[in-house]
Protein backbone atom coordinates (compact mmCIF):
# COMPACT_ATOMS: atom_id res chain seq x y z
CA MET A 1 37.25 -25.98 6.11
CA ARG A 2 38.47 -22.19 5.19
CA GLY A 3 37.00 -19.31 6.83
CA GLY A 4 35.28 -21.44 9.77
CA ARG A 5 37.38 -20.13 12.22
CA GLU A 6 35.82 -16.75 12.16
CA TRP A 7 32.71 -18.01 13.37
CA GLN A 8 34.21 -19.69 16.31
CA ASN A 9 33.44 -16.61 18.83
CA ALA A 10 30.01 -15.62 16.64
CA THR A 11 27.29 -15.36 19.35
CA ALA A 12 23.61 -14.72 18.65
CA PRO A 13 22.23 -11.06 18.77
CA SER A 14 21.38 -10.36 22.08
CA LEU A 15 18.45 -8.64 23.77
CA ALA A 16 20.37 -5.59 23.72
CA ASP A 17 21.28 -6.04 20.07
CA ILE A 18 17.46 -6.34 19.34
CA GLU A 19 16.57 -3.28 21.22
CA ALA A 20 19.46 -1.36 19.41
CA LEU A 21 17.71 -2.51 15.91
CA ALA A 22 14.37 -1.67 17.25
CA THR A 23 15.57 1.85 18.25
CA ASP A 24 17.02 2.41 14.96
CA ALA A 25 13.82 1.51 13.03
CA TRP A 26 11.90 3.68 15.72
CA ASN A 27 14.01 6.58 15.06
CA ARG A 28 13.34 6.20 11.00
CA LEU A 29 9.31 6.36 11.47
CA PRO A 30 7.95 9.56 10.66
CA ALA A 31 7.97 12.22 13.53
CA GLU A 32 3.78 12.51 13.54
CA PHE A 33 3.50 8.86 14.13
CA ARG A 34 6.31 8.61 17.03
CA LYS A 35 4.34 11.63 18.77
CA LEU A 36 1.49 9.53 18.80
CA CYS A 37 3.00 6.44 20.28
CA ARG A 38 4.65 8.55 23.36
CA ASP A 39 3.05 6.65 25.74
CA LEU A 40 3.47 3.05 24.09
CA VAL A 41 6.22 1.14 26.33
CA PHE A 42 8.51 -1.13 24.33
CA ARG A 43 10.17 -4.27 25.53
CA VAL A 44 12.35 -7.10 23.87
CA GLU A 45 12.02 -10.07 25.61
CA ASP A 46 13.21 -13.79 24.73
CA PHE A 47 9.74 -15.44 24.75
CA ALA A 48 6.30 -14.29 25.30
CA THR A 49 4.98 -15.80 28.47
CA ASP A 50 3.09 -19.33 29.13
CA GLU A 51 0.19 -17.20 29.98
CA ILE A 52 0.41 -15.20 26.86
CA LEU A 53 0.87 -18.14 24.75
CA ASP A 54 -1.92 -20.10 26.40
CA GLU A 55 -4.26 -17.22 25.87
CA MET A 56 -3.50 -16.74 22.42
CA GLU A 57 -3.58 -20.69 21.80
CA ILE A 58 -0.08 -20.58 20.46
CA GLU A 59 1.72 -23.95 20.87
CA SER A 60 5.09 -23.00 20.30
CA PRO A 61 6.90 -19.82 21.67
CA PHE A 62 8.83 -19.57 18.28
CA ASP A 63 5.61 -18.74 16.61
CA LEU A 64 5.04 -15.36 18.28
CA MET A 65 7.78 -12.73 17.31
CA GLY A 66 5.75 -9.77 18.77
CA LEU A 67 2.44 -8.58 20.45
CA TYR A 68 0.46 -5.47 21.12
CA LYS A 69 -0.79 -5.50 24.65
CA GLY A 70 -3.35 -2.87 25.23
CA VAL A 71 -6.44 -1.13 24.11
CA SER A 72 -6.19 0.10 20.36
CA LEU A 73 -6.89 3.84 19.85
CA ASP A 74 -9.76 3.28 17.97
CA ARG A 75 -11.44 1.37 20.43
CA LYS A 76 -10.22 3.52 23.45
CA SER A 77 -12.31 5.93 25.47
CA VAL A 78 -11.29 9.05 27.06
CA LEU A 79 -13.03 7.57 30.38
CA ASP A 80 -10.67 4.50 30.00
CA GLN A 81 -8.40 4.29 32.97
CA SER A 82 -5.97 1.54 32.32
CA LEU A 83 -3.75 0.09 35.33
CA GLU A 84 -1.11 -0.76 32.83
CA PRO A 85 0.45 1.31 29.87
CA ASP A 86 0.05 0.05 26.25
CA MET A 87 2.94 -2.35 25.46
CA VAL A 88 4.52 -3.61 22.21
CA PHE A 89 7.07 -6.54 22.90
CA LEU A 90 9.51 -7.99 20.81
CA TYR A 91 10.32 -11.57 21.09
CA ARG A 92 14.03 -12.26 20.40
CA ARG A 93 14.37 -15.89 19.90
CA ALA A 94 11.30 -16.12 17.81
CA ILE A 95 12.58 -13.40 15.39
CA LEU A 96 16.08 -14.99 15.18
CA ASP A 97 14.32 -18.35 14.63
CA TYR A 98 12.57 -16.64 11.62
CA TRP A 99 15.57 -14.72 10.40
CA ALA A 100 17.68 -18.09 10.56
CA GLU A 101 15.02 -19.50 7.86
CA SER A 102 14.85 -16.82 5.85
CA ASP A 103 16.78 -14.59 3.48
CA GLU A 104 15.85 -10.80 5.24
CA ILE A 105 18.34 -8.62 6.89
CA LEU A 106 17.58 -8.74 10.64
CA GLY A 107 17.05 -5.07 10.88
CA HIS A 108 14.46 -4.82 8.30
CA LEU A 109 12.84 -7.93 10.09
CA VAL A 110 12.82 -6.14 13.40
CA THR A 111 11.12 -3.01 11.68
CA HIS A 112 8.69 -5.21 10.03
CA VAL A 113 7.44 -6.72 13.46
CA LEU A 114 7.97 -3.51 15.51
CA VAL A 115 5.70 -1.47 12.60
CA HIS A 116 3.01 -4.39 12.79
CA GLU A 117 2.68 -4.35 16.45
CA ILE A 118 2.48 -0.29 16.55
CA GLY A 119 -0.07 -0.86 13.82
CA HIS A 120 -2.34 -2.89 16.16
CA HIS A 121 -2.09 0.07 18.48
CA PHE A 122 -3.75 2.40 16.30
CA GLY A 123 -6.05 -0.21 14.85
CA LEU A 124 -4.54 0.11 11.31
CA SER A 125 -4.76 -1.99 8.13
CA ASP A 126 -2.26 -4.26 6.84
CA ALA A 127 -2.16 -1.62 4.00
CA ASP A 128 -1.55 1.21 6.41
CA MET A 129 1.25 -0.77 8.22
CA GLU A 130 3.03 -1.61 4.79
CA ALA A 131 3.11 1.86 3.84
CA ILE A 132 4.41 2.85 7.15
CA GLU A 133 7.00 0.11 7.22
CA ALA A 134 7.97 1.15 3.61
CA ASP A 135 8.68 4.84 4.84
CA ALA A 136 10.82 3.31 7.66
CA GLU A 137 12.99 1.26 5.54
CA THR A 138 13.84 4.23 3.27
CA GLY A 139 14.32 6.53 6.07
CA LYS A 140 11.66 9.06 4.88
CA ALA A 141 10.41 10.78 8.28
């Protein structure tokens, strides 16, 4: 098979690779937007925990690519004192599984998931999230 050897040492993108793609996407977001998210904590993990999957009634960990955990700004009170920071999770294995079955560029998919989850932090509509994602894809900041 011609060209088959080039794949012999190939590996799936690692947690660090997905984190680097997410960092690149983050850096392309508008500065005002990033400033409003300064207290968010971002994590890349292989899968959501069983507890989260059970809570969300999701049967397969491959069905959840990202998650916002916290109280959205549109519902948060200045009197709220959270024990944990608001967090955005990206789930590497679910992202890679979706990517493998689509024709999307991995960086675009990571950007989409990141922006979507950050959008939940703001309580944004899907239209708002699509506009922000479009700006991130074109590098407008």
